[in-house]
Amino acid sequence: MGENKTNGNILVELEEEMVEKIDHIVDAIGQFKSRDDFIELACHEFIVRRNPAAALLG
């Protein structure tokens, strides 16, 4: 049970770090309205790279 709690804490810390880094990128670039806009574009780009036909879906 203690191991799960430790893994959970690690995930929370990683999530916090990732949010901070994304916020920094969003602020530095100034191209995105919000963190969500950045994440949406990043996910779309990731999907298209893995499956180029996905670009046709918009």
Protein backbone atom coordinates (compact mmCIF):
# COMPACT_ATOMS: atom_id res chain seq x y z
CA MET A 1 0.00 0.00 0.00
CA GLY A 2 2.87 2.36 0.79
CA GLU A 3 4.35 1.82 -2.67
CA ASN A 4 1.15 2.99 -4.36
CA LYS A 5 1.14 6.13 -2.26
CA THR A 6 4.74 6.82 -3.23
CA ASN A 7 3.95 6.26 -6.92
CA GLY A 8 0.94 8.55 -6.55
CA ASN A 9 3.13 11.24 -5.02
CA ILE A 10 5.63 10.92 -7.84
CA LEU A 11 2.85 11.29 -10.41
CA VAL A 12 1.52 14.38 -8.65
CA GLU A 13 5.00 15.92 -8.59
CA LEU A 14 5.54 15.14 -12.28
CA GLU A 15 2.16 16.62 -13.16
CA GLU A 16 2.97 19.80 -11.24
CA GLU A 17 6.34 20.10 -13.01
CA MET A 18 4.75 19.53 -16.40
CA VAL A 19 2.06 22.15 -15.77
CA GLU A 20 4.73 24.67 -14.71
CA LYS A 21 6.80 23.95 -17.84
CA ILE A 22 3.78 24.20 -20.14
CA ASP A 23 2.74 27.48 -18.50
CA HIS A 24 6.28 28.80 -19.01
CA ILE A 25 6.22 27.81 -22.69
CA VAL A 26 2.78 29.37 -23.18
CA ASP A 27 3.93 32.63 -21.55
CA ALA A 28 7.28 32.70 -23.38
CA ILE A 29 5.90 32.02 -26.85
CA GLY A 30 2.80 34.17 -26.50
CA GLN A 31 1.14 32.30 -29.35
CA PHE A 32 -1.40 30.42 -27.26
CA LYS A 33 -4.41 31.77 -25.38
CA SER A 34 -4.13 29.19 -22.64
CA ARG A 35 -2.48 26.01 -21.45
CA ASP A 36 -5.41 24.07 -22.91
CA ASP A 37 -4.79 25.51 -26.39
CA PHE A 38 -1.16 24.43 -26.19
CA ILE A 39 -2.08 20.93 -25.01
CA GLU A 40 -4.72 20.57 -27.73
CA LEU A 41 -2.21 21.48 -30.45
CA ALA A 42 0.50 19.27 -28.97
CA CYS A 43 -1.86 16.28 -28.84
CA HIS A 44 -3.01 16.89 -32.41
CA GLU A 45 0.60 17.10 -33.63
CA PHE A 46 1.48 13.90 -31.77
CA ILE A 47 -1.46 12.03 -33.32
CA VAL A 48 -0.64 13.27 -36.82
CA ARG A 49 2.99 12.19 -36.48
CA ARG A 50 1.92 8.71 -35.45
CA ASN A 51 -0.79 8.49 -38.12
CA PRO A 52 -0.49 11.02 -40.97
CA ALA A 53 -4.00 10.16 -42.18
CA ALA A 54 -5.30 11.75 -38.96
CA ALA A 55 -4.44 15.15 -40.47
CA LEU A 56 -7.43 14.69 -42.76
CA LEU A 57 -9.71 14.53 -39.72
CA GLY A 58 -8.86 18.09 -38.76
